[in-house]
C-alpha atoms as a PDB file:
ATOM      1  CA  MET A   1      55.552  86.825 -69.527  1.00  0.00           C
ATOM      2  CA  LYS A   2      52.757  89.361 -69.987  1.00  0.00           C
ATOM      3  CA  LYS A   3      52.057  91.641 -67.210  1.00  0.00           C
ATOM      4  CA  ILE A   4      49.523  94.411 -66.665  1.00  0.00           C
ATOM      5  CA  ILE A   5      49.988  97.481 -64.419  1.00  0.00           C
ATOM      6  CA  PHE A   6      47.190 100.028 -63.455  1.00  0.00           C
ATOM      7  CA  ALA A   7      48.489 103.090 -62.037  1.00  0.00           C
ATOM      8  CA  SER A   8      46.234 105.974 -60.930  1.00  0.00           C
ATOM      9  CA  HIS A   9      45.651 108.864 -58.600  1.00  0.00           C
ATOM     10  CA  TYR A  10      44.030 107.462 -55.433  1.00  0.00           C
ATOM     11  CA  THR A  11      42.227 104.028 -55.659  1.00  0.00           C
ATOM     12  CA  PHE A  12      40.907 103.988 -59.341  1.00  0.00           C
ATOM     13  CA  ALA A  13      43.764 101.495 -60.118  1.00  0.00           C
ATOM     14  CA  LYS A  14      42.620  99.101 -57.425  1.00  0.00           C
ATOM     15  CA  GLY A  15      38.994  99.256 -58.509  1.00  0.00           C
ATOM     16  CA  LEU A  16      39.983  98.696 -62.103  1.00  0.00           C
ATOM     17  CA  LYS A  17      42.098  95.659 -60.996  1.00  0.00           C
ATOM     18  CA  ASP A  18      39.174  94.128 -58.983  1.00  0.00           C
ATOM     19  CA  THR A  19      36.777  94.750 -61.834  1.00  0.00           C
ATOM     20  CA  ILE A  20      38.980  93.202 -64.742  1.00  0.00           C
ATOM     21  CA  GLU A  21      39.884  90.181 -62.488  1.00  0.00           C
ATOM     22  CA  TYR A  22      36.111  89.458 -61.898  1.00  0.00           C
ATOM     23  CA  ILE A  23      35.235  89.900 -65.433  1.00  0.00           C
ATOM     24  CA  ILE A  24      38.437  87.977 -66.956  1.00  0.00           C
ATOM     25  CA  PRO A  25      39.499  85.542 -64.236  1.00  0.00           C
ATOM     26  CA  ASN A  26      42.291  84.223 -66.439  1.00  0.00           C
ATOM     27  CA  ALA A  27      43.738  87.764 -67.076  1.00  0.00           C
ATOM     28  CA  PRO A  28      47.647  87.984 -67.035  1.00  0.00           C
ATOM     29  CA  LYS A  29      49.160  89.184 -63.640  1.00  0.00           C
ATOM     30  CA  ILE A  30      47.694  92.605 -62.735  1.00  0.00           C
ATOM     31  CA  ILE A  31      49.403  94.948 -60.630  1.00  0.00           C
ATOM     32  CA  ALA A  32      47.630  98.054 -59.303  1.00  0.00           C
ATOM     33  CA  ILE A  33      49.521 101.355 -58.091  1.00  0.00           C
ATOM     34  CA  SER A  34      47.329 103.897 -56.238  1.00  0.00           C
ATOM     35  CA  ALA A  35      49.224 106.976 -55.869  1.00  0.00           C
ATOM     36  CA  TYR A  36      49.099 109.432 -53.220  1.00  0.00           C
ATOM     37  CA  LEU A  37      47.450 107.239 -50.625  1.00  0.00           C
ATOM     38  CA  ASP A  38      50.576 107.590 -48.203  1.00  0.00           C
ATOM     39  CA  ASN A  39      53.823 109.570 -48.167  1.00  0.00           C
ATOM     40  CA  LYS A  40      55.768 107.445 -50.640  1.00  0.00           C
ATOM     41  CA  PRO A  41      56.695 109.502 -53.925  1.00  0.00           C
ATOM     42  CA  ILE A  42      54.970 108.016 -56.836  1.00  0.00           C
ATOM     43  CA  GLU A  43      58.255 107.745 -58.725  1.00  0.00           C
ATOM     44  CA  ASP A  44      59.534 105.476 -55.846  1.00  0.00           C
ATOM     45  CA  GLU A  45      56.367 103.243 -56.151  1.00  0.00           C
ATOM     46  CA  ILE A  46      56.806 102.790 -59.848  1.00  0.00           C
ATOM     47  CA  LYS A  47      60.582 102.192 -59.657  1.00  0.00           C
ATOM     48  CA  ASP A  48      59.683  99.370 -57.192  1.00  0.00           C
ATOM     49  CA  VAL A  49      57.240  97.726 -59.533  1.00  0.00           C
ATOM     50  CA  MET A  50      59.269  98.387 -62.677  1.00  0.00           C
ATOM     51  CA  ASP A  51      62.510  96.873 -60.876  1.00  0.00           C
ATOM     52  CA  THR A  52      60.662  93.528 -60.639  1.00  0.00           C
ATOM     53  CA  MET A  53      60.147  93.343 -64.192  1.00  0.00           C
ATOM     54  CA  ASP A  54      62.104  90.692 -66.350  1.00  0.00           C
ATOM     55  CA  PRO A  55      63.482  92.326 -69.608  1.00  0.00           C
ATOM     56  CA  ASN A  56      61.659  89.642 -71.461  1.00  0.00           C
ATOM     57  CA  ASP A  57      58.455  90.684 -69.786  1.00  0.00           C
ATOM     58  CA  GLU A  58      55.708  92.225 -71.950  1.00  0.00           C
ATOM     59  CA  VAL A  59      54.297  95.102 -69.831  1.00  0.00           C
ATOM     60  CA  VAL A  60      51.173  97.143 -70.502  1.00  0.00           C
ATOM     61  CA  VAL A  61      50.701 100.104 -68.195  1.00  0.00           C
ATOM     62  CA  PHE A  62      47.413 101.758 -68.056  1.00  0.00           C
ATOM     63  CA  THR A  63      47.166 105.206 -66.423  1.00  0.00           C
ATOM     64  CA  ASP A  64      44.278 107.528 -65.607  1.00  0.00           C
ATOM     65  CA  LEU A  65      45.333 110.799 -67.190  1.00  0.00           C
ATOM     66  CA  MET A  66      47.650 111.722 -70.016  1.00  0.00           C
ATOM     67  CA  SER A  67      49.092 114.895 -68.485  1.00  0.00           C
ATOM     68  CA  GLY A  68      48.870 113.382 -64.951  1.00  0.00           C
ATOM     69  CA  SER A  69      51.930 112.938 -62.657  1.00  0.00           C
ATOM     70  CA  VAL A  70      51.336 109.350 -62.578  1.00  0.00           C
ATOM     71  CA  ASN A  71      51.484 108.827 -66.353  1.00  0.00           C
ATOM     72  CA  GLN A  72      54.490 111.363 -66.569  1.00  0.00           C
ATOM     73  CA  GLN A  73      56.538 109.066 -64.222  1.00  0.00           C
ATOM     74  CA  PHE A  74      56.181 106.035 -66.601  1.00  0.00           C
ATOM     75  CA  VAL A  75      57.365 107.848 -69.664  1.00  0.00           C
ATOM     76  CA  PRO A  76      60.943 107.149 -69.231  1.00  0.00           C
ATOM     77  CA  TYR A  77      60.132 103.430 -68.980  1.00  0.00           C
ATOM     78  CA  VAL A  78      58.775 103.433 -72.496  1.00  0.00           C
ATOM     79  CA  LYS A  79      62.234 103.585 -74.093  1.00  0.00           C
ATOM     80  CA  LYS A  80      62.753  99.933 -73.050  1.00  0.00           C
ATOM     81  CA  ASN A  81      61.452  97.107 -75.200  1.00  0.00           C
ATOM     82  CA  ASN A  82      58.089  95.628 -74.537  1.00  0.00           C
ATOM     83  CA  ILE A  83      56.772  98.490 -72.421  1.00  0.00           C
ATOM     84  CA  TYR A  84      53.441  99.913 -73.692  1.00  0.00           C
ATOM     85  CA  LEU A  85      51.908 102.814 -71.844  1.00  0.00           C
ATOM     86  CA  ILE A  86      48.426 103.735 -72.335  1.00  0.00           C
ATOM     87  CA  SER A  87      46.578 106.618 -70.698  1.00  0.00           C
ATOM     88  CA  GLY A  88      42.906 107.141 -70.334  1.00  0.00           C
ATOM     89  CA  ALA A  89      42.146 103.768 -68.701  1.00  0.00           C
ATOM     90  CA  SER A  90      38.810 102.167 -68.928  1.00  0.00           C
ATOM     91  CA  VAL A  91      37.248  98.826 -68.509  1.00  0.00           C
ATOM     92  CA  PRO A  92      36.618  98.549 -72.504  1.00  0.00           C
ATOM     93  CA  ALA A  93      40.387  99.563 -73.319  1.00  0.00           C
ATOM     94  CA  VAL A  94      41.616  97.014 -70.751  1.00  0.00           C
ATOM     95  CA  MET A  95      39.426  94.183 -71.991  1.00  0.00           C
ATOM     96  CA  ALA A  96      40.310  94.875 -75.448  1.00  0.00           C
ATOM     97  CA  VAL A  97      43.920  94.738 -74.845  1.00  0.00           C
ATOM     98  CA  ILE A  98      43.921  91.650 -72.669  1.00  0.00           C
ATOM     99  CA  LEU A  99      41.563  89.734 -74.837  1.00  0.00           C
ATOM    100  CA  GLY A 100      43.182  90.770 -78.085  1.00  0.00           C
ATOM    101  CA  SER A 101      46.693  89.887 -76.831  1.00  0.00           C
ATOM    102  CA  MET A 102      45.859  86.360 -75.376  1.00  0.00           C
ATOM    103  CA  ASN A 103      46.481  84.505 -78.635  1.00  0.00           C
ATOM    104  CA  GLU A 104      48.723  87.300 -80.238  1.00  0.00           C
ATOM    105  CA  LYS A 105      52.102  88.912 -79.264  1.00  0.00           C
ATOM    106  CA  LEU A 106      51.676  92.441 -77.892  1.00  0.00           C
ATOM    107  CA  SER A 107      52.798  94.990 -80.671  1.00  0.00           C
ATOM    108  CA  ASP A 108      52.250  98.596 -81.356  1.00  0.00           C
ATOM    109  CA  VAL A 109      49.708  97.726 -84.232  1.00  0.00           C
ATOM    110  CA  LEU A 110      47.837  95.286 -81.881  1.00  0.00           C
ATOM    111  CA  ILE A 111      47.652  98.016 -79.253  1.00  0.00           C
ATOM    112  CA  ARG A 112      46.294 100.630 -81.639  1.00  0.00           C
ATOM    113  CA  ARG A 113      43.738  98.187 -83.010  1.00  0.00           C
ATOM    114  CA  CYS A 114      42.589  97.471 -79.643  1.00  0.00           C
ATOM    115  CA  LEU A 115      42.368 100.975 -78.599  1.00  0.00           C
ATOM    116  CA  LYS A 116      40.363 101.735 -81.568  1.00  0.00           C
ATOM    117  CA  ASP A 117      37.920  98.924 -80.775  1.00  0.00           C
ATOM    118  CA  ALA A 118      37.406 100.225 -77.200  1.00  0.00           C
ATOM    119  CA  GLN A 119      36.666 103.786 -78.548  1.00  0.00           C
ATOM    120  CA  ASN A 120      33.518 102.359 -79.982  1.00  0.00           C
ATOM    121  CA  GLN A 121      32.280 101.525 -76.300  1.00  0.00           C
ATOM    122  CA  LEU A 122      32.222 105.119 -75.607  1.00  0.00           C
ATOM    123  CA  VAL A 123      28.741 106.058 -76.430  1.00  0.00           C
ATOM    124  CA  TYR A 124      26.401 108.824 -75.500  1.00  0.00           C
ATOM    125  CA  VAL A 125      23.469 106.498 -74.800  1.00  0.00           C
ATOM    126  CA  ASN A 126      20.809 109.188 -74.965  1.00  0.00           C
ATOM    127  CA  ASP A 127      21.532 109.753 -78.786  1.00  0.00           C
ATOM    128  CA  ALA A 128      21.628 105.982 -79.466  1.00  0.00           C
ATOM    129  CA  LEU A 129      18.341 105.524 -77.767  1.00  0.00           C
ATOM    130  CA  LYS A 130      16.941 108.451 -79.929  1.00  0.00           C
ATOM    131  CA  VAL A 131      18.240 106.564 -83.065  1.00  0.00           C
ATOM    132  CA  ILE A 132      16.415 103.345 -81.878  1.00  0.00           C
ATOM    133  CA  ASP A 133      13.277 105.275 -81.199  1.00  0.00           C
ATOM    134  CA  ASP A 134      13.330 106.901 -84.491  1.00  0.00           C
ATOM    135  CA  GLU A 135      13.586 103.434 -86.310  1.00  0.00           C
ATOM    136  CA  ASP A 136      10.773 102.147 -84.315  1.00  0.00           C
ATOM    137  CA  GLU A 137       8.363 104.983 -85.514  1.00  0.00           C
END
């Protein structure tokens, strides 16, 4: 079974989960881990979630910051099969991976392709508008 985990500092993960479930109602099961809201160590929160995963599950983990403590606590799990860790979570990246993997098995190639597609959504709109204005003149 395909599962998605959002993990972040504070409540970003919960907000991302709510947004994705609204935009893609048929998304795979999503688990949100909002770190540092209580006194529970993040490594314990992550272990509790990861212990529920079946060895056959395909698990995509999105974290907020590459060098952040939340992301670093997931690194040891990447050694297991079918665990894909992506930092810099964003709505376009999550949508690309979920929609891209609906009819295709998760793989390194698929993840890379989806992330490349999502990067095209990161746009400085002021510059894009200038190009449109220049073309209209």
